[in-house]
Protein backbone atom coordinates (compact mmCIF):
# COMPACT_ATOMS: atom_id res chain seq x y z
CA MET A 1 -0.23 -0.08 0.07
CA ALA A 2 1.30 3.55 -0.55
CA GLY A 3 -0.16 7.01 -0.90
CA ILE A 4 0.18 9.94 -3.10
CA TYR A 5 0.22 13.42 -1.78
CA PHE A 6 -0.64 16.54 -4.25
CA HIS A 7 0.35 19.88 -2.69
CA ILE A 8 -1.57 22.80 -4.75
CA PRO A 9 0.24 25.85 -4.05
CA PHE A 10 -2.05 28.40 -4.06
CA CYS A 11 -4.89 30.61 -1.89
CA LYS A 12 -7.20 33.41 -2.48
CA GLN A 13 -5.57 35.04 0.43
CA ALA A 14 -3.05 34.50 3.29
CA CYS A 15 -4.69 33.34 6.42
CA HIS A 16 -3.05 35.07 9.43
CA TYR A 17 -2.02 31.85 11.38
CA CYS A 18 -0.78 30.16 7.90
CA ASP A 19 3.05 28.92 7.29
CA PHE A 20 2.04 26.30 4.35
CA HIS A 21 3.35 26.91 1.34
CA PHE A 22 1.27 29.15 -1.02
CA SER A 23 1.15 31.90 -3.62
CA THR A 24 -1.95 34.29 -3.76
CA SER A 25 -0.98 34.80 -7.11
CA LEU A 26 -3.16 32.19 -9.82
CA LYS A 27 -1.61 33.18 -12.66
CA TYR A 28 0.21 30.13 -13.49
CA ARG A 29 -2.11 28.07 -11.95
CA ASP A 30 -2.80 26.16 -15.32
CA ASP A 31 1.06 25.82 -15.96
CA MET A 32 1.43 24.21 -12.52
CA VAL A 33 -1.07 21.83 -12.93
CA ALA A 34 0.75 20.47 -16.39
CA ILE A 35 3.84 20.61 -14.21
CA LEU A 36 2.46 18.32 -10.88
CA SER A 37 1.30 15.80 -13.62
CA ARG A 38 4.92 15.85 -15.04
CA GLU A 39 6.61 15.34 -11.65
CA VAL A 40 4.05 12.03 -11.17
CA ALA A 41 5.59 10.61 -14.04
CA LEU A 42 9.12 11.35 -12.59
CA GLN A 43 8.39 9.80 -9.23
CA SER A 44 6.98 6.55 -10.67
CA GLY A 45 9.83 4.47 -9.49
CA TYR A 46 9.79 6.09 -5.67
CA PHE A 47 8.22 2.95 -4.54
CA ALA A 48 10.22 -0.02 -4.11
CA GLY A 49 8.74 -3.10 -5.49
CA PRO A 50 5.64 -3.89 -8.14
CA ASP A 51 3.02 -4.11 -5.38
CA ALA A 52 3.12 -0.76 -3.94
CA SER A 53 -0.87 -0.26 -4.83
CA ILE A 54 -1.95 3.35 -4.40
CA GLU A 55 -4.46 3.28 -1.56
CA THR A 56 -4.89 7.12 -1.21
CA ILE A 57 -4.72 10.04 -3.02
CA TYR A 58 -4.67 13.43 -1.24
CA PHE A 59 -5.42 16.81 -2.56
CA GLY A 60 -3.94 19.31 -0.09
CA GLY A 61 -2.43 23.22 -0.17
CA GLY A 62 -2.79 25.67 -0.27
CA THR A 63 -6.57 25.71 -1.67
CA PRO A 64 -6.91 22.54 -3.87
CA SER A 65 -10.46 23.66 -4.53
CA LEU A 66 -8.98 26.04 -6.57
CA LEU A 67 -8.61 23.50 -9.34
CA GLY A 68 -11.47 22.56 -11.44
CA ALA A 69 -12.94 19.23 -11.89
CA SER A 70 -10.95 18.45 -15.03
CA ASP A 71 -7.55 19.77 -13.40
CA ILE A 72 -8.53 17.02 -10.75
CA ASP A 73 -9.32 14.74 -13.23
CA ARG A 74 -6.10 15.36 -15.04
CA LEU A 75 -3.68 14.69 -11.97
CA ILE A 76 -5.79 11.53 -10.98
CA GLY A 77 -5.41 10.46 -14.70
CA ALA A 78 -1.27 11.04 -14.14
CA VAL A 79 -1.38 8.98 -11.31
CA ALA A 80 -3.35 6.35 -12.83
CA ASP A 81 -0.82 6.26 -16.10
CA HIS A 82 2.08 5.48 -14.00
CA PHE A 83 0.59 3.46 -10.58
CA ALA A 84 -1.77 1.08 -9.95
CA ILE A 85 -4.78 2.61 -8.25
CA ARG A 86 -6.68 0.27 -5.82
CA PRO A 87 -10.55 0.15 -7.01
CA ASP A 88 -11.61 1.03 -3.26
CA ALA A 89 -8.88 3.86 -3.19
CA GLU A 90 -9.73 6.91 -0.77
CA VAL A 91 -9.59 10.29 -3.05
CA THR A 92 -9.88 13.63 -0.72
CA ILE A 93 -9.81 17.16 -1.68
CA GLU A 94 -9.26 20.04 0.90
CA ALA A 95 -11.87 22.76 0.19
CA ASN A 96 -12.74 26.49 1.43
CA PRO A 97 -16.29 26.84 2.22
CA ASP A 98 -16.26 29.71 -0.21
CA ASP A 99 -15.54 27.49 -3.36
CA LEU A 100 -18.23 25.29 -2.87
CA ASP A 101 -21.07 26.18 -4.62
CA ASN A 102 -23.71 24.34 -6.65
CA MET A 103 -21.77 23.85 -10.03
CA TYR A 104 -18.48 22.98 -8.14
CA VAL A 105 -19.63 20.44 -6.09
CA GLN A 106 -21.52 18.88 -9.24
CA THR A 107 -18.82 19.05 -11.35
CA LEU A 108 -16.85 17.14 -8.88
CA ARG A 109 -19.37 13.99 -9.06
CA ALA A 110 -17.59 13.01 -12.35
CA THR A 111 -14.37 12.80 -10.88
CA PRO A 112 -13.12 10.07 -8.55
CA ILE A 113 -13.08 12.32 -5.41
CA ASN A 114 -14.89 10.69 -2.78
CA ARG A 115 -14.20 12.69 0.31
CA PHE A 116 -14.04 15.85 1.12
CA SER A 117 -12.16 17.92 4.05
CA ILE A 118 -13.89 21.20 4.67
CA GLY A 119 -11.76 24.30 6.04
CA ILE A 120 -14.79 25.27 8.58
CA GLN A 121 -12.46 26.67 11.55
CA SER A 122 -15.08 29.05 12.89
CA PHE A 123 -19.00 29.37 12.45
CA PHE A 124 -18.44 33.02 13.85
CA GLU A 125 -17.79 35.64 11.49
CA GLU A 126 -15.97 37.85 14.00
CA ASP A 127 -13.34 34.79 14.49
CA LEU A 128 -13.42 33.97 10.41
CA ARG A 129 -12.43 37.96 10.21
CA TRP A 130 -9.70 37.37 12.98
CA MET A 131 -8.49 34.71 10.90
CA ASN A 132 -8.38 36.46 7.36
CA ARG A 133 -10.45 33.35 6.22
CA ALA A 134 -11.79 33.77 2.69
CA HIS A 135 -15.51 32.45 3.72
CA THR A 136 -18.08 33.81 5.85
CA ALA A 137 -20.24 31.90 8.48
CA GLY A 138 -23.09 31.51 6.41
CA GLU A 139 -20.77 29.95 3.46
CA ALA A 140 -19.52 27.41 6.12
CA GLN A 141 -22.77 26.04 6.45
CA GLY A 142 -24.17 26.21 2.97
CA ALA A 143 -21.19 24.21 1.63
CA ILE A 144 -21.77 21.64 4.31
CA LYS A 145 -25.22 21.15 3.12
CA ARG A 146 -24.51 21.48 -0.26
CA VAL A 147 -21.59 18.52 -0.08
CA GLN A 148 -24.14 16.25 1.87
CA ASP A 149 -27.27 17.04 -0.83
CA ALA A 150 -24.65 15.99 -3.69
CA GLY A 151 -24.48 12.72 -2.28
CA TYR A 152 -21.68 12.74 -0.47
CA ALA A 153 -21.15 10.96 3.31
CA ASN A 154 -17.23 10.59 3.90
CA ILE A 155 -16.65 14.32 5.04
CA THR A 156 -14.69 15.81 7.58
CA ALA A 157 -14.45 19.13 8.70
CA ASP A 158 -11.74 21.16 10.59
CA LEU A 159 -11.91 23.47 13.57
CA ILE A 160 -9.35 25.77 15.12
CA TYR A 161 -9.44 26.24 19.02
CA GLY A 162 -7.23 28.16 21.50
CA TYR A 163 -7.24 31.94 20.21
CA PRO A 164 -8.22 34.97 22.30
CA LEU A 165 -11.38 35.69 20.37
CA LEU A 166 -12.82 32.20 21.15
CA THR A 167 -14.65 31.76 24.63
CA ASP A 168 -15.73 28.38 25.82
CA ALA A 169 -19.36 29.00 24.90
CA LYS A 170 -18.65 29.77 21.16
CA TRP A 171 -16.20 26.79 21.21
CA GLN A 172 -19.07 24.52 22.40
CA SER A 173 -21.55 26.26 19.73
CA ASN A 174 -18.76 25.11 16.88
CA ILE A 175 -18.65 21.30 17.85
CA ASN A 176 -22.42 21.40 18.24
CA HIS A 177 -22.85 22.73 14.81
CA LEU A 178 -20.77 20.17 13.32
CA LEU A 179 -22.35 17.44 15.35
CA ASN A 180 -26.14 18.60 14.27
CA PHE A 181 -24.68 17.93 10.79
CA GLY A 182 -24.39 14.50 11.43
CA ILE A 183 -20.64 15.11 10.17
CA PRO A 184 -18.87 11.88 10.63
CA HIS A 185 -15.34 13.05 10.90
CA ILE A 186 -13.75 16.21 12.87
CA SER A 187 -10.38 17.22 13.18
CA ALA A 188 -9.27 20.09 15.57
CA TYR A 189 -6.43 21.83 16.01
CA GLY A 190 -4.95 24.14 18.63
CA MET A 191 -4.06 27.74 17.24
CA THR A 192 0.12 27.88 17.32
CA VAL A 193 1.89 31.06 16.35
CA GLU A 194 4.27 29.76 13.66
CA PRO A 195 7.19 32.28 12.70
CA ARG A 196 7.13 34.29 9.42
CA THR A 197 3.24 34.78 9.66
CA ALA A 198 1.29 37.78 10.14
CA LEU A 199 -0.20 36.39 13.56
CA ALA A 200 3.53 35.94 15.02
CA ALA A 201 4.12 39.92 13.61
CA PHE A 202 0.83 40.90 15.77
CA ILE A 203 1.68 39.75 18.39
CA SER A 204 5.60 40.79 18.55
CA LYS A 205 4.08 44.36 17.87
CA GLY A 206 1.34 43.83 20.47
CA LYS A 207 -1.36 44.34 18.16
CA GLN A 208 -2.57 40.78 19.25
CA LEU A 209 -2.81 38.85 22.49
CA PRO A 210 -0.56 35.93 22.87
CA MET A 211 -2.05 32.41 22.66
CA ASP A 212 -2.77 31.03 26.56
CA GLU A 213 -1.93 27.41 27.03
CA ALA A 214 -4.51 27.04 29.71
CA GLN A 215 -7.41 28.21 27.54
CA ALA A 216 -6.01 25.75 24.83
CA ALA A 217 -6.16 22.94 27.33
CA THR A 218 -9.46 23.26 28.59
CA GLN A 219 -10.98 23.42 25.02
CA PHE A 220 -9.12 20.48 24.03
CA GLU A 221 -10.37 18.74 27.30
CA LEU A 222 -14.02 19.90 26.11
CA LEU A 223 -13.40 18.50 22.73
CA MET A 224 -12.60 15.49 23.94
CA ASP A 225 -15.47 15.42 26.30
CA ALA A 226 -17.80 16.42 23.57
CA LEU A 227 -16.99 14.14 20.72
CA VAL A 228 -16.62 10.78 22.59
CA ALA A 229 -19.94 11.49 24.44
CA ALA A 230 -21.31 11.68 20.81
CA GLY A 231 -19.88 8.37 20.17
CA PHE A 232 -16.71 9.73 17.96
CA ILE A 233 -13.53 7.45 18.33
CA HIS A 234 -10.75 9.74 19.51
CA TYR A 235 -8.49 7.78 17.47
CA GLU A 236 -5.67 10.37 17.01
CA ILE A 237 -4.51 13.61 18.93
CA SER A 238 -6.41 15.79 16.79
CA ASN A 239 -8.84 13.51 14.87
CA PHE A 240 -12.28 12.34 16.09
CA ALA A 241 -14.26 9.77 14.00
CA ARG A 242 -17.47 7.81 14.00
CA PRO A 243 -16.54 3.89 13.56
CA GLY A 244 -15.68 3.26 9.84
CA ASN A 245 -14.83 7.05 9.18
CA TYR A 246 -11.18 7.27 10.21
CA ALA A 247 -9.06 9.09 7.58
CA ARG A 248 -7.01 6.47 5.76
CA HIS A 249 -4.58 8.79 4.51
CA ASN A 250 -3.70 10.02 7.55
CA SER A 251 -4.06 6.65 9.39
CA ASN A 252 -1.58 5.34 7.12
CA TYR A 253 0.98 8.18 7.75
CA TRP A 254 0.92 7.88 11.42
CA LYS A 255 1.33 3.97 10.72
CA GLY A 256 4.35 4.51 8.59
CA VAL A 257 2.74 3.55 5.45
CA PRO A 258 5.04 5.01 2.42
CA TYR A 259 3.74 8.06 0.64
CA VAL A 260 4.91 10.54 -2.24
CA GLY A 261 4.36 13.98 -2.33
CA ILE A 262 3.64 16.13 -5.78
CA GLY A 263 4.25 19.57 -5.65
CA PRO A 264 6.56 22.44 -4.17
CA SER A 265 7.18 21.76 -0.66
CA ALA A 266 5.34 18.37 -0.71
CA HIS A 267 6.95 15.56 1.58
CA SER A 268 7.43 12.24 0.64
CA PHE A 269 8.66 8.78 2.73
CA ASP A 270 9.41 5.53 1.83
CA GLY A 271 10.27 4.00 5.49
CA ARG A 272 14.11 4.41 5.19
CA SER A 273 14.48 8.17 3.89
CA ARG A 274 12.34 11.33 3.58
CA GLN A 275 12.67 14.01 0.80
CA TRP A 276 11.05 17.06 0.45
CA ASN A 277 10.55 19.60 -2.68
CA VAL A 278 11.58 23.34 -2.96
CA ARG A 279 9.49 25.68 -1.23
CA ASN A 280 9.57 27.81 -4.71
CA ASN A 281 6.79 27.53 -7.13
CA ALA A 282 8.76 29.15 -9.76
CA HIS A 283 12.51 27.03 -8.84
CA TYR A 284 10.02 24.01 -8.73
CA MET A 285 8.46 24.47 -12.07
CA LYS A 286 11.70 25.11 -13.97
CA ALA A 287 13.39 22.08 -12.40
CA ILE A 288 10.46 19.89 -13.44
CA GLU A 289 10.48 21.15 -16.79
CA GLU A 290 14.00 20.02 -16.95
CA GLY A 291 13.50 16.70 -15.69
CA GLU A 292 14.84 17.03 -12.21
CA ILE A 293 13.15 16.74 -8.76
CA PRO A 294 14.03 19.72 -6.94
CA CYS A 295 14.32 17.96 -3.85
CA GLU A 296 16.49 17.53 -0.65
CA THR A 297 16.87 13.78 0.87
CA GLU A 298 17.51 12.74 4.35
CA GLN A 299 18.49 9.00 5.48
CA LEU A 300 16.57 8.01 8.36
CA SER A 301 19.02 6.15 10.80
CA ALA A 302 17.50 3.31 13.05
CA THR A 303 17.34 5.48 15.71
CA ASP A 304 15.60 8.48 13.60
CA GLN A 305 13.15 5.69 12.50
CA LEU A 306 12.91 4.52 16.15
CA ASN A 307 11.87 8.07 17.04
CA GLU A 308 9.42 8.63 13.82
CA TYR A 309 7.75 5.27 15.08
CA ILE A 310 7.59 6.19 18.86
CA MET A 311 6.06 9.85 17.77
CA THR A 312 3.85 8.98 15.40
CA ALA A 313 2.22 5.93 17.11
CA LEU A 314 1.75 7.38 20.68
CA ARG A 315 -0.37 10.00 18.93
CA THR A 316 -2.71 7.18 17.96
CA VAL A 317 -5.71 5.09 19.56
CA TRP A 318 -3.54 2.17 17.63
CA GLY A 319 -0.47 3.09 20.34
CA LEU A 320 3.13 2.32 21.25
CA ASP A 321 3.82 -1.56 20.75
CA LEU A 322 6.76 -2.52 22.33
CA ASP A 323 6.74 -5.99 20.40
CA VAL A 324 6.92 -4.07 17.24
CA VAL A 325 9.98 -2.00 18.77
CA GLU A 326 11.56 -5.52 19.52
CA SER A 327 10.66 -7.05 16.16
CA ARG A 328 12.05 -3.68 14.11
CA PHE A 329 14.72 -2.31 16.42
CA GLY A 330 15.63 -5.18 18.43
CA GLY A 331 15.04 -6.53 22.40
CA ARG A 332 17.66 -4.05 23.72
CA TYR A 333 15.07 -1.15 22.77
CA ARG A 334 12.32 -2.52 23.82
CA SER A 335 13.41 -2.84 27.17
CA MET A 336 14.70 0.91 27.35
CA LEU A 337 11.44 2.00 26.69
CA GLY A 338 9.76 -0.25 29.16
CA VAL A 339 11.63 1.51 31.29
CA ALA A 340 11.23 5.07 30.25
CA LEU A 341 7.67 4.50 30.10
CA GLN A 342 7.10 3.41 34.00
CA PRO A 343 7.16 6.86 35.10
CA PHE A 344 4.50 8.20 32.59
CA GLU A 345 2.44 4.58 33.41
CA SER A 346 2.58 5.46 37.35
CA ARG A 347 1.35 9.21 36.62
CA GLY A 348 -1.48 8.25 34.81
CA ASP A 349 -0.72 9.53 31.55
CA VAL A 350 0.08 6.09 29.72
CA SER A 351 -1.80 3.09 29.55
CA LEU A 352 -0.13 0.12 29.36
CA VAL A 353 -1.79 -3.28 28.22
CA GLY A 354 0.14 -6.35 27.26
CA SER A 355 2.66 -4.81 25.04
CA VAL A 356 0.95 -1.85 23.91
CA ALA A 357 1.05 1.97 25.63
CA THR A 358 -1.74 4.58 25.04
CA LEU A 359 -2.22 7.96 26.13
CA THR A 360 -4.89 8.38 28.96
CA ARG A 361 -6.86 11.33 28.35
CA LYS A 362 -4.79 13.32 30.88
CA GLY A 363 -1.67 12.11 28.75
CA LYS A 364 -3.40 13.47 25.43
CA LEU A 365 -2.81 17.07 26.92
CA PHE A 366 1.18 16.29 26.94
CA ALA A 367 1.65 14.04 23.95
CA ASP A 368 4.60 15.85 22.41
CA HIS A 369 6.01 16.14 25.66
CA ILE A 370 6.01 12.45 26.66
CA ALA A 371 6.82 10.97 22.99
CA SER A 372 9.75 13.40 23.52
CA GLU A 373 10.76 11.90 26.94
CA LEU A 374 10.99 8.55 24.93
CA PHE A 375 13.19 9.39 22.15
CA VAL A 376 16.19 7.49 21.91
CA GLU A 377 19.13 9.59 21.41
CA HIS A 378 21.79 8.80 18.95
CA GLY A 379 24.53 6.44 19.56
CA THR A 380 22.74 4.85 22.51
């Protein structure tokens, strides 16, 4: 199994908190689609062996919903020309609500797209303006309804919490909106302040309040309680799904399944190495035209691979399996991690059942810290 990720590097406008690679100029959009198709061909040998069938295709960005249905078809067709796509493949498009009018949604019905990831973030107008989102609160609700009316059931929606304007009451209202729509998958992310973003500049100049960690923790707990009570499974730190509605593309990432990233700034992973394309549209397009993939590559040592497994596995409901550690990295590392897990288990942050360690509700508040404390040092 393997996955394909397309990074579509265009947006109508820049959200204040976003540090992903994109351009607000759509001048070269059509040229970029052609170049993305060419990179698919150049990457055709990325996966080792002939049995690496494509289980998932994911259009991210940026704003993939700025592409037309014919563009989507062209890119999926390029994948089909060079890879074996499974008949039941999950094909996801990230979409902004303001793009999802009736005509656009209907045109996508003729493509292989079978899953929508809708960037709602909030149902409150003042919050959307604070974030500099392109859509309105009314468009957020209308987009979900139009996608559902078009016959799509496999839908996820994103929300953001932990920023100054968001009271606990407003946060609960945002969650309830998605529950009332019957959305089967919800992703929620705490607001982070990334360097070189508008939000970081506003805070440094005193124009915006800094983020409050206590507020974010409280709202994360409200989220967990509300969604678990509604029958969702908290299967990854930021992701909740009704049974049978896990995101296959994202789940495969956390399980270490190989994937190849197409587009400027896109990352790829084959289990032994990681590579990432240049974050510059012009440089990327020029290199692909010349038949070269403009990327840097990092070979992962056994220690790197173990730490990556610790980091991703511990975030999930499947947990960190010490049997897997032993089979992949050796009994010595199993013993080391067994000892390292003990203080977290005694504090109630980690539950160890058999060979599998999972985070408790309390431990999920400190997921990154716990993982970093478990990391094995190089040369150990």
